[in-house]
């Protein structure tokens, strides 16, 4: 397993608690590590953009960045858990 940052650990813990089917599906396809890396990077990039470029308050930026990429809604609210991540990769970040 790769070096685990605190953010990566938080993402995986959230997914295991709220998206267990998605985690299992990603593991069965050997995509969990790759997906975690992508989501961690996208979350960190958005957080950096919001705080450094947009000059947003850190806590507000954290909530937006983690809601957008890392802390997905529960599985009951979406039909395909892996599609939900793939679709998020295509959408630009929401900055308001």
N, C-alpha and C. Protein backbone atom coordinates (compact mmCIF):
# COMPACT_ATOMS: atom_id res chain seq x y z
N UNK A 1 0.84 -1.18 0.00
CA UNK A 1 0.00 0.00 0.00
C UNK A 1 0.88 1.24 0.00
N UNK A 2 0.45 2.27 -0.68
CA UNK A 2 1.22 3.51 -0.81
C UNK A 2 1.24 4.26 0.51
N UNK A 3 2.10 5.31 0.56
CA UNK A 3 2.09 6.19 1.73
C UNK A 3 0.69 6.72 1.93
N UNK A 4 0.23 6.67 3.16
CA UNK A 4 -1.13 7.11 3.43
C UNK A 4 -1.11 8.46 4.13
N UNK A 5 -1.65 9.46 3.46
CA UNK A 5 -1.81 10.76 4.08
C UNK A 5 -3.04 10.75 4.96
N UNK A 6 -3.16 11.74 5.79
CA UNK A 6 -4.35 11.86 6.64
C UNK A 6 -5.60 11.99 5.78
N UNK A 7 -5.53 12.78 4.72
CA UNK A 7 -6.68 12.96 3.84
C UNK A 7 -7.08 11.62 3.21
N UNK A 8 -6.12 10.87 2.74
CA UNK A 8 -6.41 9.56 2.13
C UNK A 8 -7.08 8.64 3.14
N UNK A 9 -6.59 8.64 4.36
CA UNK A 9 -7.18 7.81 5.42
C UNK A 9 -8.62 8.24 5.69
N UNK A 10 -8.87 9.54 5.71
CA UNK A 10 -10.21 10.06 5.96
C UNK A 10 -11.16 9.65 4.83
N UNK A 11 -10.68 9.76 3.59
CA UNK A 11 -11.51 9.39 2.44
C UNK A 11 -11.88 7.91 2.52
N UNK A 12 -10.88 7.06 2.72
CA UNK A 12 -11.14 5.62 2.77
C UNK A 12 -12.07 5.28 3.93
N UNK A 13 -11.86 5.87 5.08
CA UNK A 13 -12.74 5.61 6.23
C UNK A 13 -14.18 6.01 5.92
N UNK A 14 -14.34 7.17 5.29
CA UNK A 14 -15.69 7.63 4.93
C UNK A 14 -16.32 6.67 3.93
N UNK A 15 -15.58 6.29 2.92
CA UNK A 15 -16.11 5.38 1.91
C UNK A 15 -16.48 4.03 2.53
N UNK A 16 -15.62 3.50 3.41
CA UNK A 16 -15.91 2.21 4.02
C UNK A 16 -17.18 2.27 4.87
N UNK A 17 -17.41 3.40 5.52
CA UNK A 17 -18.60 3.56 6.36
C UNK A 17 -19.86 3.84 5.54
N UNK A 18 -19.73 4.65 4.49
CA UNK A 18 -20.91 5.13 3.76
C UNK A 18 -21.05 4.58 2.35
N UNK A 19 -19.98 4.00 1.81
CA UNK A 19 -20.01 3.47 0.44
C UNK A 19 -19.36 2.10 0.37
N UNK A 20 -19.75 1.17 1.25
CA UNK A 20 -19.05 -0.13 1.28
C UNK A 20 -19.14 -0.92 -0.02
N UNK A 21 -20.25 -0.83 -0.72
CA UNK A 21 -20.37 -1.55 -2.00
C UNK A 21 -19.39 -0.98 -3.03
N UNK A 22 -19.25 0.33 -3.04
CA UNK A 22 -18.32 0.96 -3.97
C UNK A 22 -16.89 0.52 -3.66
N UNK A 23 -16.52 0.51 -2.37
CA UNK A 23 -15.18 0.08 -1.98
C UNK A 23 -14.94 -1.36 -2.42
N UNK A 24 -15.90 -2.21 -2.19
CA UNK A 24 -15.77 -3.62 -2.58
C UNK A 24 -15.64 -3.76 -4.09
N UNK A 25 -16.44 -3.00 -4.83
CA UNK A 25 -16.38 -3.06 -6.29
C UNK A 25 -15.02 -2.56 -6.79
N UNK A 26 -14.53 -1.47 -6.22
CA UNK A 26 -13.22 -0.96 -6.61
C UNK A 26 -12.11 -1.96 -6.28
N UNK A 27 -12.20 -2.58 -5.11
CA UNK A 27 -11.21 -3.59 -4.73
C UNK A 27 -11.25 -4.78 -5.69
N UNK A 28 -12.44 -5.24 -6.03
CA UNK A 28 -12.55 -6.40 -6.91
C UNK A 28 -12.01 -6.13 -8.30
N UNK A 29 -12.02 -4.86 -8.70
CA UNK A 29 -11.49 -4.48 -10.02
C UNK A 29 -10.06 -3.97 -9.92
N UNK A 30 -9.46 -4.08 -8.73
CA UNK A 30 -8.10 -3.58 -8.48
C UNK A 30 -7.97 -2.10 -8.82
N UNK A 31 -9.00 -1.33 -8.50
CA UNK A 31 -9.00 0.11 -8.79
C UNK A 31 -9.03 0.98 -7.54
N UNK A 32 -9.06 0.37 -6.35
CA UNK A 32 -9.21 1.16 -5.14
C UNK A 32 -8.05 2.12 -4.93
N UNK A 33 -6.84 1.64 -5.01
CA UNK A 33 -5.66 2.50 -4.76
C UNK A 33 -5.59 3.64 -5.79
N UNK A 34 -5.79 3.30 -7.05
CA UNK A 34 -5.75 4.32 -8.11
C UNK A 34 -6.84 5.37 -7.89
N UNK A 35 -8.03 4.92 -7.55
CA UNK A 35 -9.14 5.84 -7.34
C UNK A 35 -8.91 6.71 -6.12
N UNK A 36 -8.40 6.12 -5.04
CA UNK A 36 -8.08 6.91 -3.85
C UNK A 36 -7.05 7.99 -4.16
N UNK A 37 -6.04 7.63 -4.92
CA UNK A 37 -5.00 8.60 -5.30
C UNK A 37 -5.60 9.74 -6.11
N UNK A 38 -6.43 9.41 -7.08
CA UNK A 38 -7.05 10.45 -7.91
C UNK A 38 -7.95 11.37 -7.09
N UNK A 39 -8.76 10.79 -6.23
CA UNK A 39 -9.69 11.58 -5.43
C UNK A 39 -8.93 12.43 -4.42
N UNK A 40 -7.90 11.88 -3.83
CA UNK A 40 -7.08 12.64 -2.89
C UNK A 40 -6.44 13.85 -3.59
N UNK A 41 -5.89 13.63 -4.77
CA UNK A 41 -5.25 14.72 -5.52
C UNK A 41 -6.27 15.77 -5.94
N UNK A 42 -7.42 15.34 -6.42
CA UNK A 42 -8.45 16.29 -6.85
C UNK A 42 -8.96 17.11 -5.67
N UNK A 43 -9.12 16.47 -4.52
CA UNK A 43 -9.57 17.18 -3.33
C UNK A 43 -8.53 18.21 -2.91
N UNK A 44 -7.27 17.80 -2.86
CA UNK A 44 -6.19 18.70 -2.46
C UNK A 44 -6.04 19.85 -3.46
N UNK A 45 -6.15 19.56 -4.75
CA UNK A 45 -6.04 20.61 -5.77
C UNK A 45 -7.16 21.63 -5.63
N UNK A 46 -8.38 21.15 -5.43
CA UNK A 46 -9.50 22.07 -5.27
C UNK A 46 -9.35 22.88 -3.99
N UNK A 47 -8.92 22.27 -2.92
CA UNK A 47 -8.70 22.99 -1.67
C UNK A 47 -7.66 24.09 -1.87
N UNK A 48 -6.57 23.76 -2.54
CA UNK A 48 -5.54 24.76 -2.83
C UNK A 48 -6.09 25.91 -3.66
N UNK A 49 -6.84 25.58 -4.70
CA UNK A 49 -7.44 26.60 -5.56
C UNK A 49 -8.34 27.54 -4.76
N UNK A 50 -9.19 26.96 -3.95
CA UNK A 50 -10.15 27.77 -3.20
C UNK A 50 -9.48 28.66 -2.16
N UNK A 51 -8.47 28.13 -1.48
CA UNK A 51 -7.80 28.90 -0.42
C UNK A 51 -6.79 29.88 -1.00
N UNK A 52 -5.94 29.42 -1.90
CA UNK A 52 -4.84 30.25 -2.38
C UNK A 52 -5.23 31.21 -3.50
N UNK A 53 -6.04 30.75 -4.42
CA UNK A 53 -6.41 31.58 -5.56
C UNK A 53 -7.68 32.39 -5.29
N UNK A 54 -8.70 31.69 -4.79
CA UNK A 54 -9.98 32.35 -4.55
C UNK A 54 -10.03 33.07 -3.19
N UNK A 55 -9.01 32.85 -2.36
CA UNK A 55 -8.90 33.49 -1.03
C UNK A 55 -10.10 33.17 -0.14
N UNK A 56 -10.59 31.96 -0.25
CA UNK A 56 -11.72 31.52 0.55
C UNK A 56 -11.23 31.10 1.93
N UNK A 57 -12.07 31.24 2.92
CA UNK A 57 -11.80 30.76 4.27
C UNK A 57 -11.50 29.27 4.21
N UNK A 58 -10.50 28.81 4.97
CA UNK A 58 -10.08 27.42 4.88
C UNK A 58 -11.21 26.44 5.21
N UNK A 59 -11.96 26.69 6.28
CA UNK A 59 -13.01 25.76 6.67
C UNK A 59 -14.09 25.64 5.58
N UNK A 60 -14.47 26.77 5.00
CA UNK A 60 -15.47 26.74 3.93
C UNK A 60 -14.91 25.99 2.71
N UNK A 61 -13.65 26.26 2.38
CA UNK A 61 -13.00 25.58 1.26
C UNK A 61 -12.91 24.07 1.52
N UNK A 62 -12.57 23.70 2.75
CA UNK A 62 -12.47 22.28 3.11
C UNK A 62 -13.81 21.59 2.90
N UNK A 63 -14.89 22.22 3.34
CA UNK A 63 -16.21 21.62 3.20
C UNK A 63 -16.59 21.44 1.73
N UNK A 64 -16.30 22.43 0.91
CA UNK A 64 -16.61 22.33 -0.52
C UNK A 64 -15.76 21.24 -1.17
N UNK A 65 -14.47 21.26 -0.93
CA UNK A 65 -13.55 20.31 -1.57
C UNK A 65 -13.86 18.88 -1.17
N UNK A 66 -14.12 18.64 0.09
CA UNK A 66 -14.39 17.26 0.51
C UNK A 66 -15.76 16.80 0.05
N UNK A 67 -16.73 17.69 0.03
CA UNK A 67 -18.06 17.32 -0.46
C UNK A 67 -18.03 17.03 -1.96
N UNK A 68 -17.24 17.79 -2.70
CA UNK A 68 -17.18 17.65 -4.16
C UNK A 68 -16.48 16.35 -4.57
N UNK A 69 -15.39 15.99 -3.91
CA UNK A 69 -14.58 14.87 -4.38
C UNK A 69 -14.47 13.71 -3.41
N UNK A 70 -14.31 13.97 -2.12
CA UNK A 70 -13.92 12.91 -1.20
C UNK A 70 -15.08 12.25 -0.47
N UNK A 71 -15.95 13.04 0.12
CA UNK A 71 -16.98 12.49 0.98
C UNK A 71 -18.30 12.42 0.22
N UNK A 72 -18.42 11.37 -0.56
CA UNK A 72 -19.56 11.17 -1.42
C UNK A 72 -20.81 10.87 -0.62
N UNK A 73 -21.99 11.12 -1.20
CA UNK A 73 -23.24 10.75 -0.53
C UNK A 73 -23.32 9.24 -0.32
N UNK A 74 -24.23 8.82 0.52
CA UNK A 74 -24.39 7.40 0.77
C UNK A 74 -24.80 6.67 -0.50
N UNK A 75 -24.57 5.38 -0.53
CA UNK A 75 -24.85 4.58 -1.72
C UNK A 75 -26.33 4.56 -2.07
N UNK A 76 -27.19 4.68 -1.11
CA UNK A 76 -28.62 4.64 -1.38
C UNK A 76 -29.08 5.78 -2.27
N UNK A 77 -28.31 6.87 -2.33
CA UNK A 77 -28.73 8.03 -3.10
C UNK A 77 -28.29 8.00 -4.56
N UNK A 78 -27.48 7.02 -4.95
CA UNK A 78 -27.01 6.94 -6.33
C UNK A 78 -27.11 5.50 -6.82
N UNK A 79 -27.27 5.36 -8.14
CA UNK A 79 -27.45 4.02 -8.69
C UNK A 79 -26.14 3.26 -8.83
N UNK A 80 -25.11 3.86 -9.38
CA UNK A 80 -23.85 3.15 -9.60
C UNK A 80 -22.72 3.88 -8.87
N UNK A 81 -22.16 3.28 -7.83
CA UNK A 81 -21.15 3.96 -7.05
C UNK A 81 -19.89 4.32 -7.83
N UNK A 82 -19.42 3.43 -8.70
CA UNK A 82 -18.20 3.74 -9.44
C UNK A 82 -18.48 4.80 -10.50
N UNK A 83 -19.64 4.74 -11.14
CA UNK A 83 -19.99 5.77 -12.11
C UNK A 83 -20.03 7.14 -11.45
N UNK A 84 -20.43 7.20 -10.19
CA UNK A 84 -20.50 8.50 -9.51
C UNK A 84 -19.12 9.13 -9.42
N UNK A 85 -18.08 8.34 -9.19
CA UNK A 85 -16.71 8.86 -9.14
C UNK A 85 -16.24 9.24 -10.54
N UNK A 86 -16.49 8.38 -11.50
CA UNK A 86 -16.05 8.68 -12.87
C UNK A 86 -16.72 9.94 -13.40
N UNK A 87 -17.99 10.13 -13.11
CA UNK A 87 -18.69 11.33 -13.56
C UNK A 87 -18.14 12.58 -12.87
N UNK A 88 -17.74 12.48 -11.64
CA UNK A 88 -17.18 13.62 -10.93
C UNK A 88 -15.85 14.04 -11.54
N UNK A 89 -15.11 13.11 -12.11
CA UNK A 89 -13.82 13.44 -12.73
C UNK A 89 -14.03 14.40 -13.91
N UNK A 90 -15.17 14.31 -14.55
CA UNK A 90 -15.42 15.10 -15.76
C UNK A 90 -15.97 16.48 -15.45
N UNK A 91 -16.53 16.66 -14.27
CA UNK A 91 -17.16 17.94 -13.93
C UNK A 91 -16.12 18.90 -13.38
N UNK A 92 -16.18 20.17 -13.75
CA UNK A 92 -15.29 21.15 -13.15
C UNK A 92 -15.73 21.41 -11.71
N UNK A 93 -14.82 21.87 -10.85
CA UNK A 93 -15.19 22.14 -9.47
C UNK A 93 -16.21 23.26 -9.38
N UNK A 94 -17.05 23.17 -8.38
CA UNK A 94 -18.06 24.20 -8.15
C UNK A 94 -17.46 25.29 -7.29
N UNK A 95 -17.34 26.48 -7.83
CA UNK A 95 -16.82 27.62 -7.08
C UNK A 95 -17.86 28.72 -7.13
N UNK A 96 -18.36 29.06 -5.97
CA UNK A 96 -19.39 30.11 -5.95
C UNK A 96 -19.01 31.22 -5.00
